[in-house]
Amino acid sequence: MQFGSLNGPAHELRVGTWIDGNGEPMEKPLQLADLGDRYKIIYCFQHWCPGCHSRGFPTLKYLYDNLKDKGFSFAVIQTVFEGFEVNTFDKLRFNQGLDRSLTHACRA
């Protein structure tokens, strides 16, 4: 497995299931190209992470509000590598409802 490198092109996301800004499943996975030729900010979090909610989401909202019209695109990935019973799609939709900057979100 090879990961991205500094000053090189980013590798495509390997996430199969995404929801759109309305919390509905997307027909096909989000590709980086779908975010345009802009700078991309991808925020990764876990639903049960207190720091993600107390610091991460407010920071994401600040960045979104201040950068969305300055050449930046945003996507959010809810990582699930433990706590599968807690980090669910319903929780992702709940989090998305709290912060409408989550226009593309997924559970990975």
C-alpha atoms as a PDB file:
ATOM      1  CA  MET A   1       0.000   0.000   0.000  1.00  0.00           C
ATOM      2  CA  GLN A   2       1.315   3.431  -0.905  1.00  0.00           C
ATOM      3  CA  PHE A   3       0.149   6.717   0.578  1.00  0.00           C
ATOM      4  CA  GLY A   4       0.260  10.242  -0.861  1.00  0.00           C
ATOM      5  CA  SER A   5       3.418  12.256  -0.755  1.00  0.00           C
ATOM      6  CA  LEU A   6       4.238  15.891  -0.258  1.00  0.00           C
ATOM      7  CA  ASN A   7       4.061  17.870  -3.509  1.00  0.00           C
ATOM      8  CA  GLY A   8       2.492  14.951  -5.373  1.00  0.00           C
ATOM      9  CA  PRO A   9      -1.076  14.385  -6.479  1.00  0.00           C
ATOM     10  CA  ALA A  10      -3.425  13.022  -3.842  1.00  0.00           C
ATOM     11  CA  HIS A  11      -4.545   9.443  -4.185  1.00  0.00           C
ATOM     12  CA  GLU A  12      -8.239   8.890  -4.763  1.00  0.00           C
ATOM     13  CA  LEU A  13     -10.408   8.283  -1.717  1.00  0.00           C
ATOM     14  CA  ARG A  14     -11.193   4.617  -1.094  1.00  0.00           C
ATOM     15  CA  VAL A  15     -14.572   5.078   0.549  1.00  0.00           C
ATOM     16  CA  GLY A  16     -17.527   3.239  -0.940  1.00  0.00           C
ATOM     17  CA  THR A  17     -20.589   4.789   0.674  1.00  0.00           C
ATOM     18  CA  TRP A  18     -21.386   8.503   0.903  1.00  0.00           C
ATOM     19  CA  ILE A  19     -24.414  10.599   1.804  1.00  0.00           C
ATOM     20  CA  ASP A  20     -25.255  13.962   0.298  1.00  0.00           C
ATOM     21  CA  GLY A  21     -26.143  17.248   1.974  1.00  0.00           C
ATOM     22  CA  ASN A  22     -29.672  15.967   2.636  1.00  0.00           C
ATOM     23  CA  GLY A  23     -28.486  12.781   4.352  1.00  0.00           C
ATOM     24  CA  GLU A  24     -29.442  10.607   1.379  1.00  0.00           C
ATOM     25  CA  PRO A  25     -27.140   7.908  -0.038  1.00  0.00           C
ATOM     26  CA  MET A  26     -25.228   9.004  -3.134  1.00  0.00           C
ATOM     27  CA  GLU A  27     -25.491   6.811  -6.225  1.00  0.00           C
ATOM     28  CA  LYS A  28     -21.724   6.660  -6.646  1.00  0.00           C
ATOM     29  CA  PRO A  29     -18.822   7.316  -4.289  1.00  0.00           C
ATOM     30  CA  LEU A  30     -17.473  10.849  -4.075  1.00  0.00           C
ATOM     31  CA  GLN A  31     -14.287  11.334  -6.059  1.00  0.00           C
ATOM     32  CA  LEU A  32     -11.795  14.119  -5.384  1.00  0.00           C
ATOM     33  CA  ALA A  33     -12.527  15.485  -8.854  1.00  0.00           C
ATOM     34  CA  ASP A  34     -16.165  15.958  -7.776  1.00  0.00           C
ATOM     35  CA  LEU A  35     -14.916  18.666  -5.408  1.00  0.00           C
ATOM     36  CA  GLY A  36     -13.547  20.643  -8.373  1.00  0.00           C
ATOM     37  CA  ASP A  37     -10.127  22.092  -9.066  1.00  0.00           C
ATOM     38  CA  ARG A  38     -10.075  23.800  -5.707  1.00  0.00           C
ATOM     39  CA  TYR A  39      -8.118  23.194  -2.538  1.00  0.00           C
ATOM     40  CA  LYS A  40      -9.729  20.338  -0.616  1.00  0.00           C
ATOM     41  CA  ILE A  41     -10.246  20.083   3.126  1.00  0.00           C
ATOM     42  CA  ILE A  42     -11.231  16.621   4.305  1.00  0.00           C
ATOM     43  CA  TYR A  43     -12.258  16.351   7.951  1.00  0.00           C
ATOM     44  CA  CYS A  44     -12.158  12.895   9.549  1.00  0.00           C
ATOM     45  CA  PHE A  45     -13.886  12.192  12.861  1.00  0.00           C
ATOM     46  CA  GLN A  46     -15.574   9.573  15.032  1.00  0.00           C
ATOM     47  CA  HIS A  47     -19.056  10.205  16.401  1.00  0.00           C
ATOM     48  CA  TRP A  48     -18.076   9.300  19.952  1.00  0.00           C
ATOM     49  CA  CYS A  49     -14.960  11.521  19.994  1.00  0.00           C
ATOM     50  CA  PRO A  50     -15.568  14.453  22.383  1.00  0.00           C
ATOM     51  CA  GLY A  51     -12.726  16.496  20.872  1.00  0.00           C
ATOM     52  CA  CYS A  52     -14.161  16.070  17.378  1.00  0.00           C
ATOM     53  CA  HIS A  53     -17.358  17.757  18.571  1.00  0.00           C
ATOM     54  CA  SER A  54     -15.934  20.335  20.977  1.00  0.00           C
ATOM     55  CA  ARG A  55     -13.029  21.486  18.806  1.00  0.00           C
ATOM     56  CA  GLY A  56     -13.077  19.804  15.410  1.00  0.00           C
ATOM     57  CA  PHE A  57     -16.575  20.687  14.229  1.00  0.00           C
ATOM     58  CA  PRO A  58     -16.366  24.330  15.381  1.00  0.00           C
ATOM     59  CA  THR A  59     -13.027  24.615  13.566  1.00  0.00           C
ATOM     60  CA  LEU A  60     -14.519  22.992  10.459  1.00  0.00           C
ATOM     61  CA  LYS A  61     -17.469  25.404  10.583  1.00  0.00           C
ATOM     62  CA  TYR A  62     -15.083  28.367  10.937  1.00  0.00           C
ATOM     63  CA  LEU A  63     -12.978  27.162   8.003  1.00  0.00           C
ATOM     64  CA  TYR A  64     -16.062  26.518   5.880  1.00  0.00           C
ATOM     65  CA  ASP A  65     -17.604  29.915   6.626  1.00  0.00           C
ATOM     66  CA  ASN A  66     -14.341  31.728   5.862  1.00  0.00           C
ATOM     67  CA  LEU A  67     -12.962  29.689   2.961  1.00  0.00           C
ATOM     68  CA  LYS A  68     -15.927  28.331   0.969  1.00  0.00           C
ATOM     69  CA  ASP A  69     -15.849  31.338  -1.374  1.00  0.00           C
ATOM     70  CA  LYS A  70     -12.052  31.452  -1.600  1.00  0.00           C
ATOM     71  CA  GLY A  71     -11.307  28.348  -3.624  1.00  0.00           C
ATOM     72  CA  PHE A  72     -11.802  25.607  -1.029  1.00  0.00           C
ATOM     73  CA  SER A  73     -14.035  22.511  -1.109  1.00  0.00           C
ATOM     74  CA  PHE A  74     -14.970  20.368   1.875  1.00  0.00           C
ATOM     75  CA  ALA A  75     -15.787  16.714   2.558  1.00  0.00           C
ATOM     76  CA  VAL A  76     -16.230  14.884   5.856  1.00  0.00           C
ATOM     77  CA  ILE A  77     -15.390  11.273   6.657  1.00  0.00           C
ATOM     78  CA  GLN A  78     -16.746   9.540   9.734  1.00  0.00           C
ATOM     79  CA  THR A  79     -14.074   6.955  10.443  1.00  0.00           C
ATOM     80  CA  VAL A  80     -15.128   3.666  11.965  1.00  0.00           C
ATOM     81  CA  PHE A  81     -12.315   1.422  13.090  1.00  0.00           C
ATOM     82  CA  GLU A  82     -13.864   0.603  16.463  1.00  0.00           C
ATOM     83  CA  GLY A  83     -17.211   1.151  18.159  1.00  0.00           C
ATOM     84  CA  PHE A  84     -19.196  -0.016  15.137  1.00  0.00           C
ATOM     85  CA  GLU A  85     -22.410  -0.130  17.185  1.00  0.00           C
ATOM     86  CA  VAL A  86     -22.035   3.561  18.089  1.00  0.00           C
ATOM     87  CA  ASN A  87     -20.518   5.063  14.916  1.00  0.00           C
ATOM     88  CA  THR A  88     -23.503   4.381  12.645  1.00  0.00           C
ATOM     89  CA  PHE A  89     -25.003   6.008   9.547  1.00  0.00           C
ATOM     90  CA  ASP A  90     -27.782   7.404  11.745  1.00  0.00           C
ATOM     91  CA  LYS A  91     -25.159   9.137  13.898  1.00  0.00           C
ATOM     92  CA  LEU A  92     -23.521  10.490  10.756  1.00  0.00           C
ATOM     93  CA  ARG A  93     -26.853  11.932   9.631  1.00  0.00           C
ATOM     94  CA  PHE A  94     -27.318  13.408  13.139  1.00  0.00           C
ATOM     95  CA  ASN A  95     -23.905  15.084  12.979  1.00  0.00           C
ATOM     96  CA  GLN A  96     -24.640  16.312   9.472  1.00  0.00           C
ATOM     97  CA  GLY A  97     -27.828  17.929  10.761  1.00  0.00           C
ATOM     98  CA  LEU A  98     -25.801  19.815  13.360  1.00  0.00           C
ATOM     99  CA  ASP A  99     -23.420  21.262  10.798  1.00  0.00           C
ATOM    100  CA  ARG A 100     -24.680  21.982   7.286  1.00  0.00           C
ATOM    101  CA  SER A 101     -21.116  22.407   6.029  1.00  0.00           C
ATOM    102  CA  LEU A 102     -21.143  18.599   5.796  1.00  0.00           C
ATOM    103  CA  THR A 103     -22.312  18.622   2.200  1.00  0.00           C
ATOM    104  CA  HIS A 104     -20.556  15.331   1.414  1.00  0.00           C
ATOM    105  CA  ALA A 105     -20.102  12.860   4.218  1.00  0.00           C
ATOM    106  CA  CYS A 106     -19.369   9.186   4.523  1.00  0.00           C
ATOM    107  CA  ARG A 107     -18.794   6.394   6.959  1.00  0.00           C
ATOM    108  CA  ALA A 108     -15.469   4.694   6.261  1.00  0.00           C
END
